[in-house]
């Protein structure tokens, strides 16, 4: 059971193949589909010491049920919009009273 309120359903995609030129390419092999997820895209204004000009950076965070088989470098496809994200990191809070959702730090690829 998920603690966050689901805003969409996602598919978890995993796997790679090698093309005719020897380059690695992602495959769209689903290892799970219809996974409820709370998916939120946000923007942040960022500046650096080297370049004080503000830039807008987009990022996304998702929460999925604790039993979901998802790892870093998997891809997440939003079944509602068709957008695909790469999983940069997964994390979960320690909670002795209940099993917390898995947090996914995502980067949009399409």
N, C-alpha and C. Protein backbone atom coordinates (compact mmCIF):
# COMPACT_ATOMS: atom_id res chain seq x y z
N UNK A 1 0.84 -1.18 0.00
CA UNK A 1 0.00 0.00 0.00
C UNK A 1 0.89 1.25 0.00
N UNK A 2 0.48 2.23 -0.77
CA UNK A 2 1.26 3.45 -0.91
C UNK A 2 0.78 4.51 0.06
N UNK A 3 1.73 5.27 0.64
CA UNK A 3 1.36 6.34 1.57
C UNK A 3 1.07 7.64 0.84
N UNK A 4 1.83 7.95 -0.22
CA UNK A 4 1.60 9.17 -0.99
C UNK A 4 0.34 9.00 -1.85
N UNK A 5 -0.25 10.10 -2.26
CA UNK A 5 -1.43 10.06 -3.12
C UNK A 5 -0.97 9.93 -4.57
N UNK A 6 -1.40 8.85 -5.22
CA UNK A 6 -0.98 8.59 -6.60
C UNK A 6 -1.59 9.62 -7.54
N UNK A 7 -0.78 10.14 -8.45
CA UNK A 7 -1.24 11.10 -9.45
C UNK A 7 -1.25 10.48 -10.85
N UNK A 8 -0.64 9.30 -11.00
CA UNK A 8 -0.57 8.63 -12.29
C UNK A 8 -0.20 7.18 -12.07
N UNK A 9 -0.09 6.45 -13.15
CA UNK A 9 0.45 5.08 -13.12
C UNK A 9 1.66 5.07 -14.03
N UNK A 10 2.67 4.28 -13.65
CA UNK A 10 3.92 4.24 -14.42
C UNK A 10 4.29 2.81 -14.77
N UNK A 11 5.15 2.69 -15.77
CA UNK A 11 5.80 1.43 -16.11
C UNK A 11 7.28 1.57 -15.78
N UNK A 12 7.87 0.51 -15.25
CA UNK A 12 9.30 0.49 -14.97
C UNK A 12 9.96 -0.24 -16.13
N UNK A 13 10.91 0.43 -16.80
CA UNK A 13 11.58 -0.14 -17.96
C UNK A 13 13.04 -0.42 -17.60
N UNK A 14 13.55 -1.56 -18.06
CA UNK A 14 14.93 -1.95 -17.73
C UNK A 14 15.53 -2.71 -18.91
N UNK A 15 16.82 -2.62 -19.07
CA UNK A 15 17.53 -3.41 -20.06
C UNK A 15 18.21 -2.57 -21.12
N UNK A 16 19.26 -3.15 -21.70
CA UNK A 16 20.00 -2.49 -22.77
C UNK A 16 20.32 -3.53 -23.84
N UNK A 17 20.66 -3.01 -25.01
CA UNK A 17 21.09 -3.84 -26.13
C UNK A 17 22.22 -3.10 -26.83
N UNK A 18 22.87 -3.75 -27.77
CA UNK A 18 23.94 -3.13 -28.54
C UNK A 18 23.48 -2.99 -29.98
N UNK A 19 23.64 -1.80 -30.55
CA UNK A 19 23.23 -1.58 -31.93
C UNK A 19 24.31 -2.06 -32.90
N UNK A 20 24.07 -1.88 -34.19
CA UNK A 20 24.99 -2.35 -35.24
C UNK A 20 26.37 -1.71 -35.15
N UNK A 21 26.46 -0.55 -34.50
CA UNK A 21 27.73 0.16 -34.38
C UNK A 21 28.46 -0.14 -33.06
N UNK A 22 27.87 -1.01 -32.24
CA UNK A 22 28.49 -1.36 -30.96
C UNK A 22 28.13 -0.43 -29.82
N UNK A 23 27.18 0.50 -30.08
CA UNK A 23 26.77 1.42 -29.03
C UNK A 23 25.65 0.81 -28.20
N UNK A 24 25.69 1.08 -26.91
CA UNK A 24 24.65 0.57 -26.02
C UNK A 24 23.40 1.42 -26.15
N UNK A 25 22.24 0.76 -26.25
CA UNK A 25 20.96 1.46 -26.33
C UNK A 25 20.01 0.86 -25.31
N UNK A 26 19.14 1.73 -24.77
CA UNK A 26 18.13 1.26 -23.83
C UNK A 26 17.07 0.47 -24.58
N UNK A 27 16.53 -0.55 -23.92
CA UNK A 27 15.38 -1.26 -24.46
C UNK A 27 14.16 -0.83 -23.65
N UNK A 28 13.03 -0.96 -24.22
CA UNK A 28 11.80 -0.59 -23.52
C UNK A 28 11.11 -1.83 -22.96
N UNK A 29 11.88 -2.70 -22.33
CA UNK A 29 11.34 -3.91 -21.74
C UNK A 29 10.71 -3.58 -20.39
N UNK A 30 9.38 -3.69 -20.29
CA UNK A 30 8.73 -3.37 -19.01
C UNK A 30 8.91 -4.52 -18.01
N UNK A 31 9.36 -4.19 -16.82
CA UNK A 31 9.43 -5.19 -15.76
C UNK A 31 8.25 -5.06 -14.81
N UNK A 32 7.56 -3.91 -14.89
CA UNK A 32 6.33 -3.69 -14.12
C UNK A 32 5.50 -2.63 -14.85
N UNK A 33 4.19 -2.81 -14.87
CA UNK A 33 3.30 -1.83 -15.49
C UNK A 33 2.15 -1.53 -14.54
N UNK A 34 1.53 -0.39 -14.72
CA UNK A 34 0.38 -0.02 -13.90
C UNK A 34 0.72 0.26 -12.45
N UNK A 35 1.98 0.64 -12.18
CA UNK A 35 2.41 0.93 -10.81
C UNK A 35 1.89 2.30 -10.41
N UNK A 36 1.10 2.40 -9.31
CA UNK A 36 0.64 3.72 -8.87
C UNK A 36 1.83 4.56 -8.42
N UNK A 37 1.82 5.84 -8.79
CA UNK A 37 2.94 6.71 -8.45
C UNK A 37 2.47 8.13 -8.23
N UNK A 38 3.13 8.81 -7.31
CA UNK A 38 2.98 10.25 -7.14
C UNK A 38 4.14 10.87 -7.88
N UNK A 39 3.86 11.52 -9.01
CA UNK A 39 4.90 12.07 -9.87
C UNK A 39 4.73 13.57 -9.94
N UNK A 40 5.77 14.29 -9.53
CA UNK A 40 5.71 15.75 -9.48
C UNK A 40 6.92 16.32 -10.20
N UNK A 41 6.67 17.18 -11.18
CA UNK A 41 7.75 17.91 -11.87
C UNK A 41 7.83 19.29 -11.26
N UNK A 42 9.04 19.77 -11.04
CA UNK A 42 9.24 21.08 -10.46
C UNK A 42 10.36 21.81 -11.18
N UNK A 43 10.45 23.10 -10.95
CA UNK A 43 11.56 23.88 -11.49
C UNK A 43 12.27 24.57 -10.33
N UNK A 44 13.53 24.86 -10.56
CA UNK A 44 14.34 25.53 -9.54
C UNK A 44 15.23 26.53 -10.25
N UNK A 45 15.36 27.71 -9.70
CA UNK A 45 16.27 28.73 -10.24
C UNK A 45 17.66 28.47 -9.64
N UNK A 46 18.66 28.32 -10.51
CA UNK A 46 20.00 27.94 -10.08
C UNK A 46 21.02 28.95 -10.59
N UNK A 47 21.97 29.31 -9.74
CA UNK A 47 23.11 30.13 -10.15
C UNK A 47 24.37 29.46 -9.62
N UNK A 48 25.48 29.74 -10.25
CA UNK A 48 26.76 29.23 -9.76
C UNK A 48 27.71 30.40 -9.57
N UNK A 49 28.79 30.18 -8.87
CA UNK A 49 29.77 31.22 -8.63
C UNK A 49 30.41 31.65 -9.95
N UNK A 50 30.63 30.69 -10.86
CA UNK A 50 31.25 30.99 -12.15
C UNK A 50 30.31 31.73 -13.09
N UNK A 51 29.01 31.44 -12.99
CA UNK A 51 28.02 32.05 -13.88
C UNK A 51 26.83 32.53 -13.04
N UNK A 52 26.83 33.81 -12.64
CA UNK A 52 25.75 34.30 -11.78
C UNK A 52 24.40 34.48 -12.49
N UNK A 53 24.36 34.24 -13.80
CA UNK A 53 23.09 34.34 -14.52
C UNK A 53 22.18 33.20 -14.08
N UNK A 54 20.98 33.52 -13.62
CA UNK A 54 20.08 32.46 -13.16
C UNK A 54 19.62 31.56 -14.32
N UNK A 55 19.58 30.25 -14.05
CA UNK A 55 19.06 29.28 -15.01
C UNK A 55 17.90 28.56 -14.34
N UNK A 56 16.96 28.13 -15.16
CA UNK A 56 15.83 27.34 -14.66
C UNK A 56 16.13 25.87 -14.93
N UNK A 57 16.15 25.07 -13.89
CA UNK A 57 16.42 23.64 -13.99
C UNK A 57 15.14 22.90 -13.65
N UNK A 58 14.74 21.98 -14.53
CA UNK A 58 13.56 21.14 -14.28
C UNK A 58 14.00 19.80 -13.70
N UNK A 59 13.24 19.32 -12.75
CA UNK A 59 13.52 18.00 -12.20
C UNK A 59 12.20 17.36 -11.77
N UNK A 60 12.23 16.08 -11.53
CA UNK A 60 11.02 15.36 -11.14
C UNK A 60 11.34 14.42 -10.00
N UNK A 61 10.33 14.22 -9.16
CA UNK A 61 10.42 13.30 -8.04
C UNK A 61 9.17 12.42 -8.09
N UNK A 62 9.36 11.14 -7.87
CA UNK A 62 8.22 10.22 -7.82
C UNK A 62 8.30 9.41 -6.54
N UNK A 63 7.15 8.98 -6.10
CA UNK A 63 7.07 8.04 -4.98
C UNK A 63 6.24 6.86 -5.45
N UNK A 64 6.77 5.66 -5.21
CA UNK A 64 6.11 4.43 -5.61
C UNK A 64 6.02 3.51 -4.40
N UNK A 65 5.13 2.51 -4.44
CA UNK A 65 5.01 1.60 -3.28
C UNK A 65 6.33 0.92 -2.94
N UNK A 66 6.50 0.61 -1.68
CA UNK A 66 7.76 0.05 -1.16
C UNK A 66 8.16 -1.25 -1.84
N UNK A 67 7.23 -2.06 -2.29
CA UNK A 67 7.55 -3.36 -2.89
C UNK A 67 7.92 -3.27 -4.37
N UNK A 68 7.98 -2.07 -4.93
CA UNK A 68 8.27 -1.90 -6.36
C UNK A 68 9.72 -2.23 -6.66
N UNK A 69 9.94 -3.05 -7.69
CA UNK A 69 11.29 -3.42 -8.13
C UNK A 69 11.80 -2.31 -9.05
N UNK A 70 12.56 -1.37 -8.48
CA UNK A 70 13.11 -0.25 -9.26
C UNK A 70 14.50 0.06 -8.72
N UNK A 71 15.45 0.31 -9.63
CA UNK A 71 16.82 0.60 -9.25
C UNK A 71 17.34 1.80 -10.02
N UNK A 72 18.49 2.31 -9.61
CA UNK A 72 19.14 3.39 -10.34
C UNK A 72 19.36 2.96 -11.79
N UNK A 73 19.21 3.90 -12.70
CA UNK A 73 19.39 3.71 -14.14
C UNK A 73 18.23 3.01 -14.83
N UNK A 74 17.21 2.56 -14.08
CA UNK A 74 15.97 2.11 -14.72
C UNK A 74 15.32 3.33 -15.35
N UNK A 75 14.33 3.10 -16.18
CA UNK A 75 13.54 4.19 -16.74
C UNK A 75 12.11 4.04 -16.28
N UNK A 76 11.46 5.17 -16.08
CA UNK A 76 10.07 5.22 -15.64
C UNK A 76 9.26 5.90 -16.74
N UNK A 77 8.20 5.22 -17.20
CA UNK A 77 7.33 5.81 -18.23
C UNK A 77 6.00 6.17 -17.60
N UNK A 78 5.65 7.44 -17.69
CA UNK A 78 4.35 7.91 -17.21
C UNK A 78 3.30 7.41 -18.20
N UNK A 79 2.44 6.51 -17.78
CA UNK A 79 1.46 5.92 -18.69
C UNK A 79 0.40 6.91 -19.13
N UNK A 80 0.22 7.99 -18.39
CA UNK A 80 -0.78 9.00 -18.74
C UNK A 80 -0.28 9.94 -19.82
N UNK A 81 1.00 10.39 -19.71
CA UNK A 81 1.53 11.37 -20.65
C UNK A 81 2.49 10.77 -21.68
N UNK A 82 3.04 9.60 -21.40
CA UNK A 82 4.03 8.99 -22.28
C UNK A 82 5.44 9.47 -22.03
N UNK A 83 5.64 10.39 -21.10
CA UNK A 83 6.98 10.91 -20.79
C UNK A 83 7.83 9.80 -20.16
N UNK A 84 9.11 9.80 -20.51
CA UNK A 84 10.04 8.81 -19.97
C UNK A 84 11.12 9.54 -19.17
N UNK A 85 11.41 9.00 -17.99
CA UNK A 85 12.41 9.56 -17.08
C UNK A 85 13.44 8.50 -16.78
N UNK A 86 14.68 8.92 -16.52
CA UNK A 86 15.71 8.00 -16.05
C UNK A 86 15.80 8.16 -14.53
N UNK A 87 15.97 7.06 -13.82
CA UNK A 87 16.07 7.09 -12.36
C UNK A 87 17.52 7.39 -11.99
N UNK A 88 17.75 8.58 -11.41
CA UNK A 88 19.08 8.97 -10.98
C UNK A 88 19.42 8.39 -9.61
N UNK A 89 18.42 8.28 -8.74
CA UNK A 89 18.65 7.76 -7.39
C UNK A 89 17.35 7.26 -6.79
N UNK A 90 17.46 6.27 -5.92
CA UNK A 90 16.32 5.78 -5.16
C UNK A 90 16.65 5.91 -3.67
N UNK A 91 15.64 6.20 -2.87
CA UNK A 91 15.86 6.29 -1.43
C UNK A 91 14.56 6.01 -0.70
N UNK A 92 14.68 5.71 0.58
CA UNK A 92 13.52 5.43 1.41
C UNK A 92 13.85 5.82 2.84
N UNK A 93 12.89 6.38 3.52
CA UNK A 93 13.09 6.76 4.91
C UNK A 93 12.91 5.53 5.81
N UNK A 94 13.65 5.47 6.89
CA UNK A 94 13.49 4.39 7.85
C UNK A 94 12.31 4.71 8.76
N UNK A 95 11.38 3.77 8.88
CA UNK A 95 10.21 3.97 9.73
C UNK A 95 9.83 2.63 10.33
N UNK A 96 10.00 2.46 11.64
CA UNK A 96 9.69 1.17 12.26
C UNK A 96 8.20 0.86 12.32
N UNK A 97 7.34 1.87 12.18
CA UNK A 97 5.90 1.65 12.31
C UNK A 97 5.24 1.22 11.00
N UNK A 98 5.79 1.63 9.86
CA UNK A 98 5.20 1.25 8.58
C UNK A 98 6.28 1.19 7.52
N UNK A 99 5.94 0.61 6.38
CA UNK A 99 6.89 0.51 5.29
C UNK A 99 6.72 1.75 4.40
N UNK A 100 7.74 2.61 4.32
CA UNK A 100 7.60 3.86 3.56
C UNK A 100 7.72 3.64 2.06
N UNK A 101 7.18 4.59 1.30
CA UNK A 101 7.29 4.57 -0.16
C UNK A 101 8.75 4.73 -0.56
N UNK A 102 9.06 4.34 -1.81
CA UNK A 102 10.38 4.55 -2.38
C UNK A 102 10.35 5.88 -3.12
N UNK A 103 11.32 6.74 -2.84
CA UNK A 103 11.45 8.02 -3.52
C UNK A 103 12.40 7.85 -4.70
N UNK A 104 11.99 8.35 -5.87
CA UNK A 104 12.81 8.29 -7.07
C UNK A 104 13.17 9.70 -7.51
N UNK A 105 14.45 9.98 -7.64
CA UNK A 105 14.90 11.25 -8.23
C UNK A 105 15.04 10.99 -9.72
N UNK A 106 14.29 11.74 -10.51
CA UNK A 106 14.17 11.47 -11.94
C UNK A 106 14.70 12.62 -12.80
N UNK A 107 15.11 12.25 -14.00
CA UNK A 107 15.51 13.22 -15.01
C UNK A 107 14.76 12.87 -16.29
N UNK A 108 14.04 13.83 -16.85
CA UNK A 108 13.22 13.54 -18.03
C UNK A 108 14.10 13.35 -19.26
N UNK A 109 13.80 12.30 -20.04
CA UNK A 109 14.56 12.03 -21.25
C UNK A 109 13.75 12.28 -22.52
N UNK A 110 12.41 12.23 -22.43
CA UNK A 110 11.57 12.52 -23.61
C UNK A 110 10.48 13.49 -23.21
